[in-house]
Structures are given as C-alpha cells and as structure tokens.
PDB file of N, CA and C in Angstrom:
ATOM      1  N   MET A   1       0.755  -1.022  -0.002  1.00  0.00           N
ATOM      2  CA  MET A   1       0.298  -0.092   0.126  1.00  0.00           C
ATOM      3  C   MET A   1       1.038   1.104   0.090  1.00  0.00           C
ATOM      4  N   SER A   2       0.856   2.109  -0.819  1.00  0.00           N
ATOM      5  CA  SER A   2       1.305   3.390  -0.997  1.00  0.00           C
ATOM      6  C   SER A   2       0.775   4.334   0.292  1.00  0.00           C
ATOM      7  N   MET A   3       1.963   4.938   0.615  1.00  0.00           N
ATOM      8  CA  MET A   3       1.504   6.066   1.629  1.00  0.00           C
ATOM      9  C   MET A   3       1.257   7.311   0.965  1.00  0.00           C
ATOM     10  N   LYS A   4       0.418   8.299   1.556  1.00  0.00           N
ATOM     11  CA  LYS A   4       0.127   9.698   0.931  1.00  0.00           C
ATOM     12  C   LYS A   4       0.618  10.690   1.832  1.00  0.00           C
ATOM     13  N   ASN A   5       1.566  11.696   0.893  1.00  0.00           N
ATOM     14  CA  ASN A   5       2.123  12.729   1.748  1.00  0.00           C
ATOM     15  C   ASN A   5       0.954  13.435   2.572  1.00  0.00           C
ATOM     16  N   SER A   6       1.300  14.319   3.375  1.00  0.00           N
ATOM     17  CA  SER A   6       0.347  15.228   4.199  1.00  0.00           C
ATOM     18  C   SER A   6       0.254  16.429   3.357  1.00  0.00           C
ATOM     19  N   ASP A   7      -0.851  17.054   3.445  1.00  0.00           N
ATOM     20  CA  ASP A   7      -1.283  17.937   2.615  1.00  0.00           C
ATOM     21  C   ASP A   7      -0.252  19.234   2.886  1.00  0.00           C
ATOM     22  N   ASP A   8       0.131  19.302   3.756  1.00  0.00           N
ATOM     23  CA  ASP A   8       1.210  20.512   4.256  1.00  0.00           C
ATOM     24  C   ASP A   8       2.549  20.398   3.454  1.00  0.00           C
ATOM     25  N   MET A   9       2.780  19.123   2.898  1.00  0.00           N
ATOM     26  CA  MET A   9       4.311  19.040   2.025  1.00  0.00           C
ATOM     27  C   MET A   9       3.665  18.748   0.313  1.00  0.00           C
ATOM     28  N   CYS A  10       2.646  19.246  -0.162  1.00  0.00           N
ATOM     29  CA  CYS A  10       1.971  19.025  -1.415  1.00  0.00           C
ATOM     30  C   CYS A  10       1.931  20.851  -2.016  1.00  0.00           C
ATOM     31  N   ILE A  11       2.396  20.417  -3.371  1.00  0.00           N
ATOM     32  CA  ILE A  11       2.382  21.731  -4.042  1.00  0.00           C
ATOM     33  C   ILE A  11       1.299  21.395  -4.990  1.00  0.00           C
ATOM     34  N   PRO A  12       0.290  22.512  -5.017  1.00  0.00           N
ATOM     35  CA  PRO A  12      -0.865  22.439  -5.801  1.00  0.00           C
ATOM     36  C   PRO A  12      -0.477  22.704  -7.253  1.00  0.00           C
ATOM     37  N   LEU A  13      -1.134  21.852  -8.063  1.00  0.00           N
ATOM     38  CA  LEU A  13      -0.771  21.801  -9.318  1.00  0.00           C
ATOM     39  C   LEU A  13      -2.439  21.475 -10.163  1.00  0.00           C
ATOM     40  N   CYS A  14      -2.420  22.106 -11.453  1.00  0.00           N
ATOM     41  CA  CYS A  14      -3.601  22.066 -11.760  1.00  0.00           C
ATOM     42  C   CYS A  14      -3.597  20.483 -12.532  1.00  0.00           C
ATOM     43  N   ARG A  15      -4.710  20.108 -12.996  1.00  0.00           N
ATOM     44  CA  ARG A  15      -4.811  18.630 -13.738  1.00  0.00           C
ATOM     45  C   ARG A  15      -3.942  18.227 -14.633  1.00  0.00           C
ATOM     46  N   ALA A  16      -3.605  19.137 -15.414  1.00  0.00           N
ATOM     47  CA  ALA A  16      -2.392  19.056 -16.771  1.00  0.00           C
ATOM     48  C   ALA A  16      -1.068  18.575 -16.162  1.00  0.00           C
ATOM     49  N   HIS A  17      -0.729  19.632 -15.423  1.00  0.00           N
ATOM     50  CA  HIS A  17       0.615  19.379 -14.728  1.00  0.00           C
ATOM     51  C   HIS A  17       0.795  18.187 -13.755  1.00  0.00           C
ATOM     52  N   HIS A  18      -0.545  18.119 -13.009  1.00  0.00           N
ATOM     53  CA  HIS A  18      -0.421  16.698 -12.370  1.00  0.00           C
ATOM     54  C   HIS A  18      -0.086  15.615 -12.873  1.00  0.00           C
ATOM     55  N   ASP A  19      -1.054  15.378 -14.190  1.00  0.00           N
ATOM     56  CA  ASP A  19      -0.785  14.225 -14.999  1.00  0.00           C
ATOM     57  C   ASP A  19       0.738  14.313 -15.575  1.00  0.00           C
ATOM     58  N   GLU A  20       1.005  15.403 -15.938  1.00  0.00           N
ATOM     59  CA  GLU A  20       2.276  15.424 -16.520  1.00  0.00           C
ATOM     60  C   GLU A  20       3.411  15.040 -15.815  1.00  0.00           C
ATOM     61  N   VAL A  21       3.487  15.254 -14.498  1.00  0.00           N
ATOM     62  CA  VAL A  21       4.244  14.698 -13.201  1.00  0.00           C
ATOM     63  C   VAL A  21       4.311  13.335 -13.355  1.00  0.00           C
ATOM     64  N   HIS A  22       3.133  12.758 -13.459  1.00  0.00           N
ATOM     65  CA  HIS A  22       3.082  11.117 -13.341  1.00  0.00           C
ATOM     66  C   HIS A  22       3.587  10.590 -14.267  1.00  0.00           C
ATOM     67  N   ALA A  23       3.171  11.094 -15.545  1.00  0.00           N
ATOM     68  CA  ALA A  23       3.652  10.648 -16.849  1.00  0.00           C
ATOM     69  C   ALA A  23       5.068  10.388 -17.126  1.00  0.00           C
ATOM     70  N   PHE A  24       5.597  11.630 -16.450  1.00  0.00           N
ATOM     71  CA  PHE A  24       7.069  12.033 -16.525  1.00  0.00           C
ATOM     72  C   PHE A  24       7.944  11.005 -15.655  1.00  0.00           C
ATOM     73  N   GLY A  25       7.527  10.703 -14.578  1.00  0.00           N
ATOM     74  CA  GLY A  25       7.866   9.549 -13.640  1.00  0.00           C
ATOM     75  C   GLY A  25       8.978  10.160 -12.484  1.00  0.00           C
ATOM     76  N   ASP A  26       9.557  11.164 -12.461  1.00  0.00           N
ATOM     77  CA  ASP A  26      10.530  11.724 -11.724  1.00  0.00           C
ATOM     78  C   ASP A  26       9.855  13.068 -11.139  1.00  0.00           C
ATOM     79  N   GLU A  27       9.605  13.258 -10.341  1.00  0.00           N
ATOM     80  CA  GLU A  27       8.978  14.404  -9.595  1.00  0.00           C
ATOM     81  C   GLU A  27       9.870  15.512  -9.363  1.00  0.00           C
ATOM     82  N   ALA A  28      10.878  15.123  -9.021  1.00  0.00           N
ATOM     83  CA  ALA A  28      12.009  15.892  -8.356  1.00  0.00           C
ATOM     84  C   ALA A  28      12.693  16.562  -9.758  1.00  0.00           C
ATOM     85  N   LEU A  29      12.941  15.597 -10.844  1.00  0.00           N
ATOM     86  CA  LEU A  29      13.327  16.234 -11.977  1.00  0.00           C
ATOM     87  C   LEU A  29      12.556  17.235 -12.633  1.00  0.00           C
ATOM     88  N   TRP A  30      11.335  16.660 -12.595  1.00  0.00           N
ATOM     89  CA  TRP A  30      10.266  17.457 -13.330  1.00  0.00           C
ATOM     90  C   TRP A  30      10.316  18.729 -12.768  1.00  0.00           C
ATOM     91  N   LEU A  31      10.020  18.870 -11.493  1.00  0.00           N
ATOM     92  CA  LEU A  31      10.157  20.199 -10.907  1.00  0.00           C
ATOM     93  C   LEU A  31      11.531  21.186 -11.273  1.00  0.00           C
ATOM     94  N   ALA A  32      12.626  20.514 -11.185  1.00  0.00           N
ATOM     95  CA  ALA A  32      14.064  21.194 -11.439  1.00  0.00           C
ATOM     96  C   ALA A  32      13.629  21.788 -13.193  1.00  0.00           C
ATOM     97  N   LEU A  33      13.289  20.870 -13.848  1.00  0.00           N
ATOM     98  CA  LEU A  33      13.213  21.243 -15.046  1.00  0.00           C
ATOM     99  C   LEU A  33      12.300  22.382 -15.315  1.00  0.00           C
ATOM    100  N   ASN A  34      11.237  22.470 -14.593  1.00  0.00           N
ATOM    101  CA  ASN A  34      10.207  23.568 -14.795  1.00  0.00           C
ATOM    102  C   ASN A  34      10.736  24.695 -13.986  1.00  0.00           C
ATOM    103  N   GLY A  35      11.908  24.680 -13.273  1.00  0.00           N
ATOM    104  CA  GLY A  35      12.336  26.052 -12.550  1.00  0.00           C
ATOM    105  C   GLY A  35      11.480  26.065 -11.325  1.00  0.00           C
ATOM    106  N   ILE A  36      10.727  24.914 -10.786  1.00  0.00           N
ATOM    107  CA  ILE A  36       9.974  25.305  -9.465  1.00  0.00           C
ATOM    108  C   ILE A  36      11.026  24.619  -8.319  1.00  0.00           C
ATOM    109  N   ASP A  37      10.985  25.382  -7.204  1.00  0.00           N
ATOM    110  CA  ASP A  37      11.897  25.324  -5.991  1.00  0.00           C
ATOM    111  C   ASP A  37      10.839  24.421  -5.153  1.00  0.00           C
ATOM    112  N   PRO A  38      10.557  23.462  -4.587  1.00  0.00           N
ATOM    113  CA  PRO A  38       9.181  22.842  -4.096  1.00  0.00           C
ATOM    114  C   PRO A  38       9.412  23.396  -2.485  1.00  0.00           C
ATOM    115  N   GLU A  39      10.787  23.937  -2.047  1.00  0.00           N
ATOM    116  CA  GLU A  39      10.647  24.287  -0.630  1.00  0.00           C
ATOM    117  C   GLU A  39      10.496  25.772  -0.501  1.00  0.00           C
ATOM    118  N   GLU A  40      10.697  26.653  -1.697  1.00  0.00           N
ATOM    119  CA  GLU A  40      10.226  27.894  -1.771  1.00  0.00           C
ATOM    120  C   GLU A  40       8.835  27.976  -2.137  1.00  0.00           C
ATOM    121  N   GLU A  41       8.202  27.030  -2.721  1.00  0.00           N
ATOM    122  CA  GLU A  41       6.889  27.100  -3.062  1.00  0.00           C
ATOM    123  C   GLU A  41       5.993  26.754  -1.668  1.00  0.00           C
ATOM    124  N   LEU A  42       6.466  25.905  -0.916  1.00  0.00           N
ATOM    125  CA  LEU A  42       6.076  25.730   0.185  1.00  0.00           C
ATOM    126  C   LEU A  42       5.873  26.624   1.153  1.00  0.00           C
ATOM    127  N   ARG A  43       7.223  27.171   1.290  1.00  0.00           N
ATOM    128  CA  ARG A  43       7.298  28.404   2.034  1.00  0.00           C
ATOM    129  C   ARG A  43       6.123  29.459   1.725  1.00  0.00           C
ATOM    130  N   LYS A  44       5.911  29.675   0.527  1.00  0.00           N
ATOM    131  CA  LYS A  44       5.036  30.866   0.201  1.00  0.00           C
ATOM    132  C   LYS A  44       3.741  30.221   0.592  1.00  0.00           C
ATOM    133  N   ILE A  45       3.293  28.838   0.609  1.00  0.00           N
ATOM    134  CA  ILE A  45       2.020  28.472   0.989  1.00  0.00           C
ATOM    135  C   ILE A  45       2.077  28.582   2.400  1.00  0.00           C
ATOM    136  N   ARG A  46       3.177  28.476   3.182  1.00  0.00           N
ATOM    137  CA  ARG A  46       2.753  28.560   4.625  1.00  0.00           C
ATOM    138  C   ARG A  46       2.422  29.940   4.934  1.00  0.00           C
ATOM    139  N   VAL A  47       3.276  30.952   4.347  1.00  0.00           N
ATOM    140  CA  VAL A  47       2.978  32.259   4.691  1.00  0.00           C
ATOM    141  C   VAL A  47       1.741  32.772   4.075  1.00  0.00           C
ATOM    142  N   ASP A  48       0.965  32.303   3.215  1.00  0.00           N
ATOM    143  CA  ASP A  48      -0.289  32.650   2.569  1.00  0.00           C
ATOM    144  C   ASP A  48      -1.041  32.006   3.676  1.00  0.00           C
ATOM    145  N   LYS A  49      -1.231  31.020   4.138  1.00  0.00           N
ATOM    146  CA  LYS A  49      -2.057  30.443   5.014  1.00  0.00           C
ATOM    147  C   LYS A  49      -1.874  30.920   6.301  1.00  0.00           C
ATOM    148  N   GLY A  50      -0.835  31.302   6.752  1.00  0.00           N
ATOM    149  CA  GLY A  50      -0.631  32.102   8.012  1.00  0.00           C
ATOM    150  C   GLY A  50      -1.484  33.578   7.992  1.00  0.00           C
ATOM    151  N   ALA A  51      -0.938  34.192   7.015  1.00  0.00           N
ATOM    152  CA  ALA A  51      -1.899  35.604   6.693  1.00  0.00           C
ATOM    153  C   ALA A  51      -3.459  35.154   6.677  1.00  0.00           C
ATOM    154  N   GLN A  52      -4.006  34.156   5.988  1.00  0.00           N
ATOM    155  CA  GLN A  52      -5.543  34.076   6.061  1.00  0.00           C
ATOM    156  C   GLN A  52      -6.058  33.599   7.510  1.00  0.00           C
ATOM    157  N   GLU A  53      -4.953  33.160   8.284  1.00  0.00           N
ATOM    158  CA  GLU A  53      -5.661  32.683   9.539  1.00  0.00           C
ATOM    159  C   GLU A  53      -5.329  33.638  10.417  1.00  0.00           C
ATOM    160  N   GLY A  54      -4.452  34.586  10.309  1.00  0.00           N
ATOM    161  CA  GLY A  54      -4.112  35.787  11.654  1.00  0.00           C
ATOM    162  C   GLY A  54      -5.045  36.777  11.012  1.00  0.00           C
TER     163      GLY A  54
END
C-alpha cells in the first residue's frame, strides 16, 4: 500500500501538470526542469496560509 504525503507537503498543480508529473515519472527532476523550487513554494504557501488564519 502506498503512503500519502501530508497536504502540508504538497504543491498544488492543475490537472494537466499533475498528470504530466506522473507521466514523467521523476517528480524532483520535473520540478527542476520546470524551474520550481519545492521548498520555496511550500514556504510561500505557509506564509499565505498564516496570513489567512491570522
């Protein structure tokens, strides 16, 4: 059985890009090739979420 990541560790993607990542097979490489820094994106999401809650 596979394990699901916490939603706090997920970068939201549209359906087309979600499917593209799965078809590509290497999420880390796909992110790098598309200029996406996952740590930076997660930081932005946490900042935005904090602003909405506070």
